[in-house]
Protein backbone atom coordinates (compact mmCIF):
# COMPACT_ATOMS: atom_id res chain seq x y z
CA UNK A 1 45.50 1.72 3.12
CA UNK A 2 44.71 5.44 3.21
CA UNK A 3 46.56 5.73 6.53
CA UNK A 4 49.65 4.15 5.00
CA UNK A 5 49.43 6.48 1.99
CA UNK A 6 49.26 9.48 4.33
CA UNK A 7 52.34 8.28 6.22
CA UNK A 8 54.23 7.85 2.93
CA UNK A 9 53.18 11.30 1.78
CA UNK A 10 54.10 12.89 5.12
CA UNK A 11 57.56 11.30 4.89
CA UNK A 12 57.89 12.39 1.24
CA UNK A 13 58.64 8.78 0.28
CA UNK A 14 57.44 9.07 -3.31
CA UNK A 15 59.63 12.08 -4.10
CA UNK A 16 62.65 10.41 -2.49
CA UNK A 17 62.02 7.19 -4.41
CA UNK A 18 61.76 9.12 -7.67
CA UNK A 19 65.08 10.84 -6.95
CA UNK A 20 66.73 7.46 -6.28
CA UNK A 21 65.37 6.05 -9.54
CA UNK A 22 66.64 9.10 -11.45
CA UNK A 23 70.06 8.73 -9.86
CA UNK A 24 70.17 5.01 -10.68
CA UNK A 25 69.10 5.70 -14.27
CA UNK A 26 71.86 8.28 -14.69
CA UNK A 27 74.43 5.89 -13.22
CA UNK A 28 73.31 3.08 -15.53
CA UNK A 29 73.62 5.40 -18.54
CA UNK A 30 77.14 6.40 -17.45
CA UNK A 31 78.16 2.77 -17.09
CA UNK A 32 76.71 1.92 -20.50
CA UNK A 33 78.75 4.72 -22.08
CA UNK A 34 81.95 3.44 -20.49
CA UNK A 35 81.73 0.00 -22.15
CA UNK A 36 84.27 -0.54 -24.94
CA UNK A 37 82.43 -3.25 -26.87
CA UNK A 38 80.08 -1.33 -29.17
CA UNK A 39 77.47 -4.11 -29.46
CA UNK A 40 77.29 -4.55 -25.70
CA UNK A 41 77.16 -0.77 -25.23
CA UNK A 42 74.18 -0.56 -27.59
CA UNK A 43 72.42 -3.35 -25.68
CA UNK A 44 72.96 -1.59 -22.35
CA UNK A 45 71.75 1.71 -23.80
CA UNK A 46 68.66 -0.09 -25.11
CA UNK A 47 67.98 -1.40 -21.60
CA UNK A 48 68.37 2.09 -20.18
CA UNK A 49 65.91 3.47 -22.71
CA UNK A 50 63.32 0.74 -22.22
CA UNK A 51 63.59 -0.80 -18.76
CA UNK A 52 64.73 2.37 -17.02
CA UNK A 53 62.71 4.77 -19.15
CA UNK A 54 61.13 7.72 -17.42
CA UNK A 55 57.45 7.28 -16.84
CA UNK A 56 55.16 9.36 -18.94
CA UNK A 57 51.61 10.10 -17.94
CA UNK A 58 49.14 7.84 -19.67
CA UNK A 59 46.98 9.56 -22.19
CA UNK A 60 43.50 8.15 -22.24
CA UNK A 61 41.99 8.34 -25.69
CA UNK A 62 38.69 10.09 -25.96
CA UNK A 63 35.97 7.58 -26.71
CA UNK A 64 34.35 7.81 -30.09
CA UNK A 65 30.69 8.27 -29.34
CA UNK A 66 28.16 7.86 -32.08
CA UNK A 67 25.56 10.57 -31.91
CA UNK A 68 22.16 10.19 -33.51
CA UNK A 69 21.64 12.48 -36.45
CA UNK A 70 18.35 14.24 -37.09
CA UNK A 71 16.25 12.80 -39.87
CA UNK A 72 15.49 15.37 -42.53
């Protein structure tokens, strides 16, 4: 698996794939804007915003750790 990952990285596959996704997202948004029926346009825009949404890095919440308190 690590060998395959190295090949992909050497060929810059991930960057190229991201560029293709961005291009497809932009094209889908253009097509949604060109629709005359307002309800259908809103549905297509919703799909663009949800299904084709740009990935955001996951934020991992900091765990709440209970700390013992000194007894006074």
